[in-house]
Amino acid sequence: GDLFVEISDTATEGLRLTNANDVMIVGGDATFTSQSHQYSATSETNFTAGEIHFRGDFTQTRQDQYSGAKSFVATGTDVYFDGSSAQEIAWDNSGNGTSRLNDFFVTNAAGVTLDGNLWVDGDLDLSGTFTVAGDTVDNLVTMTIRSTGTLNNTGTMTVTSCVKEQGYTINGTDPCP
């Protein structure tokens, strides 16, 4: 079924995967959000080990500008997108110090599309089909892989927007304006 996780300013609230043997499979769509006016809401200590498999669409958001921007922070939990039909990843806010992934695996041959900026602190392991979408300059989608991570691509990656390694430049120019 579907999964909806909402966090507040209460520490360690929400779903937690903190043991190396933890495995969770979400067969439907998953939404991670922070409550309105809960600026300190964070899941930074909630996803430190184990693995979570998403088989439907994934949404990371916050309810308003006064809500915490860390509703899904996977610092050690491996995150898999391994559905059997097309999947979409929608990020409201992702970056260094906000919601982000560590090690990220795309195995879905039917396709996974990123809609919203994504920050990856660890490795992106791609054996399925992955699309970084963005059709205009005003709708630029950036996926950043930290310099400590690697891109392992044995699948198909289509970039209609921007993928970069943190701090990466071409002739002194940021490839993702």
N, C-alpha and C. Protein backbone atom coordinates (compact mmCIF):
# COMPACT_ATOMS: atom_id res chain seq x y z
N GLY A 1 0.80 -1.18 0.00
CA GLY A 1 0.00 0.00 0.00
C GLY A 1 0.85 1.26 0.00
N ASP A 2 0.18 2.38 0.14
CA ASP A 2 0.84 3.68 0.19
C ASP A 2 1.39 3.96 1.58
N LEU A 3 2.37 4.87 1.64
CA LEU A 3 3.00 5.26 2.89
C LEU A 3 3.00 6.77 2.98
N PHE A 4 2.54 7.31 4.14
CA PHE A 4 2.57 8.75 4.38
C PHE A 4 3.25 8.96 5.73
N VAL A 5 4.38 9.69 5.74
CA VAL A 5 5.12 9.96 6.97
C VAL A 5 5.22 11.46 7.15
N GLU A 6 4.72 11.94 8.30
CA GLU A 6 4.75 13.37 8.62
C GLU A 6 5.51 13.54 9.93
N ILE A 7 6.51 14.44 9.92
CA ILE A 7 7.29 14.68 11.13
C ILE A 7 7.05 16.09 11.66
N SER A 8 7.36 16.27 12.96
CA SER A 8 7.23 17.57 13.60
C SER A 8 8.57 17.91 14.26
N ASP A 9 8.56 18.85 15.18
CA ASP A 9 9.78 19.24 15.88
C ASP A 9 10.21 18.21 16.93
N THR A 10 9.42 17.17 17.15
CA THR A 10 9.77 16.14 18.12
C THR A 10 10.89 15.27 17.55
N ALA A 11 12.00 15.21 18.27
CA ALA A 11 13.17 14.44 17.81
C ALA A 11 12.82 12.97 17.65
N THR A 12 13.40 12.33 16.67
CA THR A 12 13.28 10.90 16.36
C THR A 12 11.84 10.48 16.03
N GLU A 13 11.00 11.41 15.65
CA GLU A 13 9.63 11.08 15.29
C GLU A 13 9.59 10.54 13.86
N GLY A 14 8.64 9.69 13.58
CA GLY A 14 8.46 9.20 12.22
C GLY A 14 9.06 7.82 12.02
N LEU A 15 9.08 7.41 10.79
CA LEU A 15 9.64 6.11 10.40
C LEU A 15 11.13 6.10 10.66
N ARG A 16 11.65 4.95 11.16
CA ARG A 16 13.08 4.85 11.46
C ARG A 16 13.63 3.52 10.95
N LEU A 17 14.76 3.58 10.24
CA LEU A 17 15.53 2.40 9.86
C LEU A 17 16.94 2.64 10.37
N THR A 18 17.29 1.98 11.47
CA THR A 18 18.56 2.26 12.14
C THR A 18 19.40 1.01 12.39
N ASN A 19 18.92 -0.13 11.94
CA ASN A 19 19.62 -1.40 12.13
C ASN A 19 20.04 -1.92 10.76
N ALA A 20 21.22 -2.47 10.65
CA ALA A 20 21.71 -2.98 9.37
C ALA A 20 20.79 -4.03 8.77
N ASN A 21 20.01 -4.73 9.59
CA ASN A 21 19.10 -5.76 9.10
C ASN A 21 17.71 -5.22 8.75
N ASP A 22 17.46 -3.92 8.96
CA ASP A 22 16.16 -3.33 8.63
C ASP A 22 15.96 -3.32 7.12
N VAL A 23 14.81 -3.83 6.66
CA VAL A 23 14.43 -3.78 5.25
C VAL A 23 12.95 -3.41 5.21
N MET A 24 12.63 -2.39 4.43
CA MET A 24 11.24 -1.98 4.27
C MET A 24 10.93 -1.90 2.78
N ILE A 25 9.79 -2.47 2.39
CA ILE A 25 9.35 -2.41 1.00
C ILE A 25 8.02 -1.66 0.97
N VAL A 26 7.99 -0.56 0.21
CA VAL A 26 6.78 0.24 0.06
C VAL A 26 6.22 -0.08 -1.33
N GLY A 27 5.12 -0.84 -1.37
CA GLY A 27 4.55 -1.28 -2.63
C GLY A 27 3.81 -0.20 -3.39
N GLY A 28 3.31 0.81 -2.69
CA GLY A 28 2.57 1.90 -3.32
C GLY A 28 3.38 3.18 -3.32
N ASP A 29 2.69 4.31 -3.35
CA ASP A 29 3.35 5.61 -3.35
C ASP A 29 3.77 5.99 -1.94
N ALA A 30 4.87 6.76 -1.83
CA ALA A 30 5.38 7.18 -0.53
C ALA A 30 5.51 8.70 -0.51
N THR A 31 5.07 9.30 0.61
CA THR A 31 5.19 10.74 0.81
C THR A 31 5.83 10.98 2.17
N PHE A 32 6.87 11.83 2.18
CA PHE A 32 7.53 12.25 3.41
C PHE A 32 7.40 13.77 3.49
N THR A 33 6.84 14.26 4.61
CA THR A 33 6.61 15.70 4.75
C THR A 33 6.85 16.13 6.19
N SER A 34 6.95 17.43 6.41
CA SER A 34 7.06 17.99 7.75
C SER A 34 5.85 18.89 8.00
N GLN A 35 5.40 18.91 9.26
CA GLN A 35 4.19 19.65 9.61
C GLN A 35 4.38 21.15 9.45
N SER A 36 3.27 21.84 9.25
CA SER A 36 3.26 23.29 9.13
C SER A 36 3.83 23.95 10.38
N HIS A 37 4.67 24.95 10.17
CA HIS A 37 5.29 25.74 11.23
C HIS A 37 6.14 24.89 12.19
N GLN A 38 6.71 23.82 11.70
CA GLN A 38 7.61 22.97 12.49
C GLN A 38 9.01 23.08 11.89
N TYR A 39 9.65 24.23 12.06
CA TYR A 39 10.89 24.54 11.38
C TYR A 39 12.03 23.58 11.73
N SER A 40 12.04 23.06 12.95
CA SER A 40 13.13 22.17 13.38
C SER A 40 12.89 20.70 13.04
N ALA A 41 11.80 20.41 12.37
CA ALA A 41 11.49 19.02 12.02
C ALA A 41 12.61 18.43 11.17
N THR A 42 13.08 17.25 11.58
CA THR A 42 14.18 16.60 10.85
C THR A 42 14.09 15.08 10.98
N SER A 43 14.56 14.40 9.96
CA SER A 43 14.66 12.93 10.01
C SER A 43 16.12 12.51 9.90
N GLU A 44 17.05 13.41 10.28
CA GLU A 44 18.48 13.15 10.11
C GLU A 44 18.97 11.89 10.82
N THR A 45 18.36 11.49 11.91
CA THR A 45 18.79 10.29 12.62
C THR A 45 17.85 9.11 12.37
N ASN A 46 16.90 9.26 11.47
CA ASN A 46 15.89 8.21 11.25
C ASN A 46 16.29 7.15 10.23
N PHE A 47 17.17 7.48 9.30
CA PHE A 47 17.53 6.55 8.22
C PHE A 47 19.05 6.39 8.20
N THR A 48 19.57 5.59 9.13
CA THR A 48 21.02 5.46 9.29
C THR A 48 21.57 4.09 8.88
N ALA A 49 20.69 3.12 8.63
CA ALA A 49 21.15 1.77 8.27
C ALA A 49 20.02 1.03 7.55
N GLY A 50 20.33 -0.15 7.04
CA GLY A 50 19.32 -0.97 6.38
C GLY A 50 19.02 -0.48 4.98
N GLU A 51 17.85 -0.88 4.48
CA GLU A 51 17.47 -0.47 3.14
C GLU A 51 15.96 -0.29 3.04
N ILE A 52 15.56 0.62 2.15
CA ILE A 52 14.16 0.87 1.89
C ILE A 52 13.96 0.80 0.38
N HIS A 53 12.92 0.06 -0.02
CA HIS A 53 12.61 -0.15 -1.44
C HIS A 53 11.31 0.56 -1.76
N PHE A 54 11.35 1.44 -2.75
CA PHE A 54 10.15 2.13 -3.22
C PHE A 54 9.73 1.51 -4.54
N ARG A 55 8.47 1.08 -4.60
CA ARG A 55 7.95 0.45 -5.81
C ARG A 55 6.92 1.32 -6.52
N GLY A 56 6.55 2.43 -5.89
CA GLY A 56 5.63 3.41 -6.48
C GLY A 56 6.34 4.76 -6.56
N ASP A 57 5.56 5.82 -6.70
CA ASP A 57 6.12 7.16 -6.76
C ASP A 57 6.59 7.60 -5.37
N PHE A 58 7.54 8.52 -5.35
CA PHE A 58 8.12 9.04 -4.11
C PHE A 58 8.01 10.56 -4.11
N THR A 59 7.51 11.12 -3.00
CA THR A 59 7.41 12.57 -2.86
C THR A 59 8.03 13.00 -1.54
N GLN A 60 8.96 13.96 -1.61
CA GLN A 60 9.51 14.61 -0.42
C GLN A 60 9.06 16.05 -0.48
N THR A 61 8.42 16.51 0.60
CA THR A 61 7.88 17.87 0.59
C THR A 61 7.85 18.42 2.01
N ARG A 62 7.39 19.64 2.12
CA ARG A 62 7.08 20.24 3.42
C ARG A 62 5.81 21.05 3.23
N GLN A 63 5.07 21.24 4.33
CA GLN A 63 3.73 21.82 4.19
C GLN A 63 3.72 23.32 3.94
N ASP A 64 4.76 24.03 4.37
CA ASP A 64 4.84 25.47 4.08
C ASP A 64 6.28 25.92 4.28
N GLN A 65 6.55 27.19 4.01
CA GLN A 65 7.91 27.71 4.10
C GLN A 65 8.45 27.73 5.53
N TYR A 66 7.58 27.53 6.52
CA TYR A 66 8.00 27.52 7.91
C TYR A 66 8.20 26.11 8.44
N SER A 67 8.11 25.14 7.56
CA SER A 67 8.30 23.74 7.93
C SER A 67 9.75 23.34 7.69
N GLY A 68 10.22 22.35 8.43
CA GLY A 68 11.58 21.85 8.26
C GLY A 68 11.79 21.27 6.87
N ALA A 69 13.00 21.46 6.35
CA ALA A 69 13.35 21.00 5.00
C ALA A 69 14.05 19.64 5.02
N LYS A 70 13.94 18.93 6.14
CA LYS A 70 14.65 17.65 6.28
C LYS A 70 13.69 16.50 6.53
N SER A 71 12.63 16.41 5.74
CA SER A 71 11.63 15.37 5.97
C SER A 71 12.08 13.98 5.52
N PHE A 72 13.11 13.91 4.64
CA PHE A 72 13.68 12.61 4.27
C PHE A 72 15.19 12.78 4.09
N VAL A 73 15.92 12.39 5.12
CA VAL A 73 17.38 12.47 5.10
C VAL A 73 17.92 11.05 5.34
N ALA A 74 18.37 10.40 4.28
CA ALA A 74 18.92 9.05 4.39
C ALA A 74 20.44 9.18 4.49
N THR A 75 20.98 9.06 5.69
CA THR A 75 22.42 9.21 5.90
C THR A 75 23.16 7.87 5.83
N GLY A 76 22.43 6.77 5.96
CA GLY A 76 23.07 5.47 5.90
C GLY A 76 22.19 4.38 5.34
N THR A 77 20.90 4.65 5.22
CA THR A 77 19.96 3.68 4.65
C THR A 77 20.09 3.69 3.13
N ASP A 78 20.26 2.52 2.55
CA ASP A 78 20.29 2.40 1.09
C ASP A 78 18.87 2.57 0.56
N VAL A 79 18.71 3.40 -0.47
CA VAL A 79 17.39 3.70 -1.03
C VAL A 79 17.31 3.12 -2.44
N TYR A 80 16.32 2.25 -2.66
CA TYR A 80 16.13 1.57 -3.95
C TYR A 80 14.84 2.03 -4.60
N PHE A 81 14.90 2.27 -5.90
CA PHE A 81 13.71 2.46 -6.71
C PHE A 81 13.67 1.27 -7.65
N ASP A 82 12.82 0.30 -7.30
CA ASP A 82 12.83 -0.98 -8.00
C ASP A 82 11.42 -1.47 -8.34
N GLY A 83 10.57 -0.52 -8.71
CA GLY A 83 9.22 -0.89 -9.12
C GLY A 83 9.22 -1.59 -10.47
N SER A 84 8.05 -2.09 -10.87
CA SER A 84 7.94 -2.78 -12.15
C SER A 84 7.27 -1.92 -13.21
N SER A 85 6.71 -0.78 -12.80
CA SER A 85 6.16 0.19 -13.76
C SER A 85 6.84 1.54 -13.51
N ALA A 86 6.61 2.49 -14.41
CA ALA A 86 7.29 3.79 -14.33
C ALA A 86 7.08 4.44 -12.96
N GLN A 87 8.14 5.05 -12.44
CA GLN A 87 8.11 5.71 -11.15
C GLN A 87 8.57 7.16 -11.31
N GLU A 88 8.07 8.02 -10.42
CA GLU A 88 8.50 9.42 -10.39
C GLU A 88 9.01 9.76 -9.00
N ILE A 89 10.12 10.50 -8.96
CA ILE A 89 10.68 11.01 -7.71
C ILE A 89 10.47 12.51 -7.72
N ALA A 90 9.70 13.03 -6.77
CA ALA A 90 9.43 14.47 -6.69
C ALA A 90 10.04 15.02 -5.40
N TRP A 91 11.05 15.86 -5.52
CA TRP A 91 11.70 16.48 -4.37
C TRP A 91 11.31 17.93 -4.30
N ASP A 92 10.86 18.36 -3.12
CA ASP A 92 10.52 19.77 -2.90
C ASP A 92 11.78 20.56 -2.56
N ASN A 93 12.60 20.00 -1.71
CA ASN A 93 13.85 20.67 -1.36
C ASN A 93 14.88 19.63 -0.97
N SER A 94 15.99 19.66 -1.69
CA SER A 94 17.06 18.71 -1.45
C SER A 94 18.38 19.44 -1.58
N GLY A 95 19.31 19.10 -0.74
CA GLY A 95 20.62 19.74 -0.81
C GLY A 95 21.46 19.39 0.38
N ASN A 96 22.66 19.93 0.42
CA ASN A 96 23.55 19.73 1.55
C ASN A 96 22.92 20.43 2.76
N GLY A 97 22.58 19.67 3.79
CA GLY A 97 21.96 20.24 4.97
C GLY A 97 20.45 20.18 4.96
N THR A 98 19.84 19.67 3.87
CA THR A 98 18.39 19.49 3.84
C THR A 98 18.11 18.03 3.45
N SER A 99 16.95 17.75 2.90
CA SER A 99 16.62 16.38 2.51
C SER A 99 17.58 15.89 1.43
N ARG A 100 18.02 14.62 1.57
CA ARG A 100 19.02 14.09 0.65
C ARG A 100 19.10 12.57 0.80
N LEU A 101 19.83 11.96 -0.14
CA LEU A 101 20.07 10.52 -0.10
C LEU A 101 21.54 10.25 0.11
N ASN A 102 21.84 9.06 0.61
CA ASN A 102 23.23 8.61 0.67
C ASN A 102 23.45 7.71 -0.54
N ASP A 103 23.36 6.41 -0.39
CA ASP A 103 23.50 5.51 -1.54
C ASP A 103 22.12 5.28 -2.15
N PHE A 104 22.06 5.39 -3.48
CA PHE A 104 20.81 5.48 -4.23
C PHE A 104 20.88 4.49 -5.39
N PHE A 105 19.93 3.56 -5.47
CA PHE A 105 19.93 2.50 -6.46
C PHE A 105 18.69 2.59 -7.33
N VAL A 106 18.87 2.60 -8.65
CA VAL A 106 17.75 2.58 -9.59
C VAL A 106 17.87 1.28 -10.38
N THR A 107 16.92 0.36 -10.16
CA THR A 107 16.94 -0.93 -10.85
C THR A 107 15.70 -1.12 -11.72
N ASN A 108 14.81 -0.15 -11.73
CA ASN A 108 13.55 -0.24 -12.46
C ASN A 108 13.79 -0.08 -13.97
N ALA A 109 13.57 -1.16 -14.74
CA ALA A 109 13.76 -1.11 -16.19
C ALA A 109 12.66 -0.30 -16.88
N ALA A 110 11.49 -0.16 -16.22
CA ALA A 110 10.39 0.61 -16.81
C ALA A 110 10.64 2.11 -16.71
N GLY A 111 11.55 2.53 -15.86
CA GLY A 111 11.94 3.93 -15.80
C GLY A 111 11.60 4.64 -14.51
N VAL A 112 12.55 5.45 -14.05
CA VAL A 112 12.39 6.33 -12.90
C VAL A 112 12.73 7.73 -13.37
N THR A 113 11.83 8.69 -13.12
CA THR A 113 12.04 10.07 -13.55
C THR A 113 12.18 10.98 -12.34
N LEU A 114 13.23 11.78 -12.31
CA LEU A 114 13.45 12.74 -11.24
C LEU A 114 12.78 14.05 -11.62
N ASP A 115 11.89 14.52 -10.76
CA ASP A 115 11.21 15.80 -10.95
C ASP A 115 11.45 16.63 -9.69
N GLY A 116 12.47 17.43 -9.69
CA GLY A 116 12.87 18.22 -8.53
C GLY A 116 14.33 17.94 -8.23
N ASN A 117 15.04 18.93 -7.72
CA ASN A 117 16.47 18.80 -7.44
C ASN A 117 16.73 17.69 -6.44
N LEU A 118 17.83 16.98 -6.62
CA LEU A 118 18.19 15.87 -5.75
C LEU A 118 19.67 15.93 -5.40
N TRP A 119 19.97 15.77 -4.13
CA TRP A 119 21.33 15.76 -3.62
C TRP A 119 21.65 14.33 -3.19
N VAL A 120 22.74 13.76 -3.71
CA VAL A 120 23.16 12.41 -3.37
C VAL A 120 24.52 12.50 -2.70
N ASP A 121 24.60 12.12 -1.40
CA ASP A 121 25.86 12.16 -0.67
C ASP A 121 26.75 10.97 -0.97
N GLY A 122 26.18 9.86 -1.38
CA GLY A 122 26.95 8.65 -1.63
C GLY A 122 26.96 8.29 -3.10
N ASP A 123 26.74 7.02 -3.39
CA ASP A 123 26.81 6.51 -4.75
C ASP A 123 25.43 6.44 -5.40
N LEU A 124 25.41 6.62 -6.72
CA LEU A 124 24.23 6.34 -7.53
C LEU A 124 24.56 5.10 -8.34
N ASP A 125 23.83 4.01 -8.07
CA ASP A 125 24.05 2.76 -8.77
C ASP A 125 22.87 2.56 -9.71
N LEU A 126 23.14 2.66 -10.99
CA LEU A 126 22.10 2.65 -12.00
C LEU A 126 22.19 1.40 -12.86
N SER A 127 21.19 0.50 -12.70
CA SER A 127 21.10 -0.66 -13.59
C SER A 127 19.77 -0.66 -14.33
N GLY A 128 18.89 0.27 -13.97
CA GLY A 128 17.60 0.42 -14.65
C GLY A 128 17.64 1.64 -15.56
N THR A 129 16.50 2.27 -15.77
CA THR A 129 16.39 3.45 -16.62
C THR A 129 16.07 4.65 -15.74
N PHE A 130 16.88 5.70 -15.84
CA PHE A 130 16.75 6.87 -14.99
C PHE A 130 16.78 8.13 -15.84
N THR A 131 15.83 9.03 -15.63
CA THR A 131 15.75 10.28 -16.38
C THR A 131 15.79 11.46 -15.42
N VAL A 132 16.71 12.37 -15.65
CA VAL A 132 16.76 13.64 -14.93
C VAL A 132 16.04 14.63 -15.83
N ALA A 133 14.80 14.99 -15.45
CA ALA A 133 13.94 15.79 -16.33
C ALA A 133 14.08 17.28 -16.05
N GLY A 134 13.68 18.04 -17.02
CA GLY A 134 13.68 19.49 -16.93
C GLY A 134 13.61 20.02 -18.34
N ASP A 135 12.53 20.71 -18.69
CA ASP A 135 12.33 21.02 -20.09
C ASP A 135 12.64 22.47 -20.47
N THR A 136 12.79 23.35 -19.48
CA THR A 136 13.15 24.73 -19.79
C THR A 136 14.14 25.23 -18.76
N VAL A 137 14.75 26.37 -19.03
CA VAL A 137 15.68 26.95 -18.06
C VAL A 137 14.96 27.26 -16.76
N ASP A 138 13.70 27.66 -16.85
CA ASP A 138 12.94 27.96 -15.64
C ASP A 138 12.59 26.71 -14.84
N ASN A 139 12.66 25.55 -15.48
CA ASN A 139 12.35 24.29 -14.82
C ASN A 139 13.59 23.41 -14.77
N LEU A 140 14.74 24.01 -14.48
CA LEU A 140 15.99 23.26 -14.41
C LEU A 140 15.96 22.32 -13.22
N VAL A 141 16.25 21.07 -13.44
CA VAL A 141 16.34 20.08 -12.38
C VAL A 141 17.80 19.69 -12.28
N THR A 142 18.36 19.77 -11.09
CA THR A 142 19.77 19.45 -10.89
C THR A 142 19.90 18.27 -9.95
N MET A 143 20.69 17.27 -10.34
CA MET A 143 21.05 16.20 -9.45
C MET A 143 22.53 16.36 -9.15
N THR A 144 22.87 16.50 -7.88
CA THR A 144 24.25 16.68 -7.46
C THR A 144 24.74 15.42 -6.77
N ILE A 145 25.86 14.89 -7.24
CA ILE A 145 26.52 13.75 -6.59
C ILE A 145 27.77 14.30 -5.91
N ARG A 146 27.83 14.17 -4.59
CA ARG A 146 28.97 14.71 -3.84
C ARG A 146 30.26 14.10 -4.36
N SER A 147 31.35 14.79 -4.18
CA SER A 147 32.65 14.35 -4.69
C SER A 147 33.11 13.04 -4.06
N THR A 148 32.50 12.64 -2.94
CA THR A 148 32.85 11.36 -2.32
C THR A 148 32.07 10.20 -2.93
N GLY A 149 31.07 10.50 -3.76
CA GLY A 149 30.24 9.47 -4.36
C GLY A 149 30.64 9.17 -5.78
N THR A 150 30.09 8.08 -6.32
CA THR A 150 30.38 7.70 -7.70
C THR A 150 29.08 7.38 -8.42
N LEU A 151 29.13 7.46 -9.73
CA LEU A 151 28.01 7.07 -10.58
C LEU A 151 28.40 5.76 -11.25
N ASN A 152 27.68 4.68 -10.91
CA ASN A 152 27.90 3.37 -11.50
C ASN A 152 26.76 3.12 -12.47
N ASN A 153 27.02 3.27 -13.77
CA ASN A 153 25.95 3.20 -14.75
C ASN A 153 26.10 1.98 -15.65
N THR A 154 25.25 0.98 -15.41
CA THR A 154 25.16 -0.16 -16.31
C THR A 154 23.78 -0.20 -16.95
N GLY A 155 22.98 0.85 -16.69
CA GLY A 155 21.64 0.95 -17.25
C GLY A 155 21.58 2.06 -18.28
N THR A 156 20.47 2.80 -18.28
CA THR A 156 20.27 3.91 -19.21
C THR A 156 19.98 5.16 -18.41
N MET A 157 20.72 6.23 -18.68
CA MET A 157 20.50 7.51 -18.02
C MET A 157 20.26 8.56 -19.08
N THR A 158 19.12 9.23 -19.01
CA THR A 158 18.78 10.31 -19.92
C THR A 158 18.76 11.60 -19.14
N VAL A 159 19.51 12.59 -19.61
CA VAL A 159 19.58 13.87 -18.92
C VAL A 159 19.04 14.95 -19.85
N THR A 160 17.90 15.51 -19.49
CA THR A 160 17.37 16.64 -20.25
C THR A 160 17.51 17.91 -19.42
N SER A 161 18.22 17.81 -18.31
CA SER A 161 18.43 18.95 -17.45
C SER A 161 19.89 18.98 -17.03
N CYS A 162 20.23 18.65 -15.78
CA CYS A 162 21.60 18.85 -15.33
C CYS A 162 22.00 17.83 -14.27
N VAL A 163 23.17 17.22 -14.44
CA VAL A 163 23.78 16.34 -13.45
C VAL A 163 25.19 16.82 -13.25
N LYS A 164 25.61 16.96 -12.01
CA LYS A 164 26.98 17.42 -11.77
C LYS A 164 27.52 16.80 -10.51
N GLU A 165 28.84 16.81 -10.43
CA GLU A 165 29.52 16.45 -9.20
C GLU A 165 29.77 17.75 -8.46
N GLN A 166 29.59 17.74 -7.15
CA GLN A 166 29.75 18.97 -6.36
C GLN A 166 31.09 19.63 -6.67
N GLY A 167 31.04 20.91 -6.99
CA GLY A 167 32.25 21.67 -7.26
C GLY A 167 32.80 21.49 -8.66
N TYR A 168 32.10 20.73 -9.50
CA TYR A 168 32.57 20.44 -10.85
C TYR A 168 32.35 21.63 -11.77
N THR A 169 33.36 21.98 -12.55
CA THR A 169 33.21 23.07 -13.51
C THR A 169 33.79 22.65 -14.86
N ILE A 170 33.30 23.28 -15.91
CA ILE A 170 33.84 23.09 -17.26
C ILE A 170 34.41 24.44 -17.68
N ASN A 171 35.71 24.48 -17.88
CA ASN A 171 36.39 25.75 -18.24
C ASN A 171 36.02 26.86 -17.27
N GLY A 172 35.95 26.51 -15.97
CA GLY A 172 35.66 27.50 -14.95
C GLY A 172 34.20 27.88 -14.81
N THR A 173 33.31 27.21 -15.55
CA THR A 173 31.89 27.54 -15.54
C THR A 173 31.10 26.38 -14.95
N ASP A 174 30.16 26.70 -14.07
CA ASP A 174 29.27 25.69 -13.49
C ASP A 174 28.39 25.14 -14.61
N PRO A 175 28.36 23.78 -14.83
CA PRO A 175 27.54 23.23 -15.92
C PRO A 175 26.05 23.32 -15.64
N CYS A 176 25.67 23.62 -14.41
CA CYS A 176 24.26 23.75 -14.03
C CYS A 176 24.04 25.17 -13.53
N PRO A 177 23.66 26.09 -14.40
CA PRO A 177 23.54 27.49 -13.98
C PRO A 177 22.50 27.70 -12.90
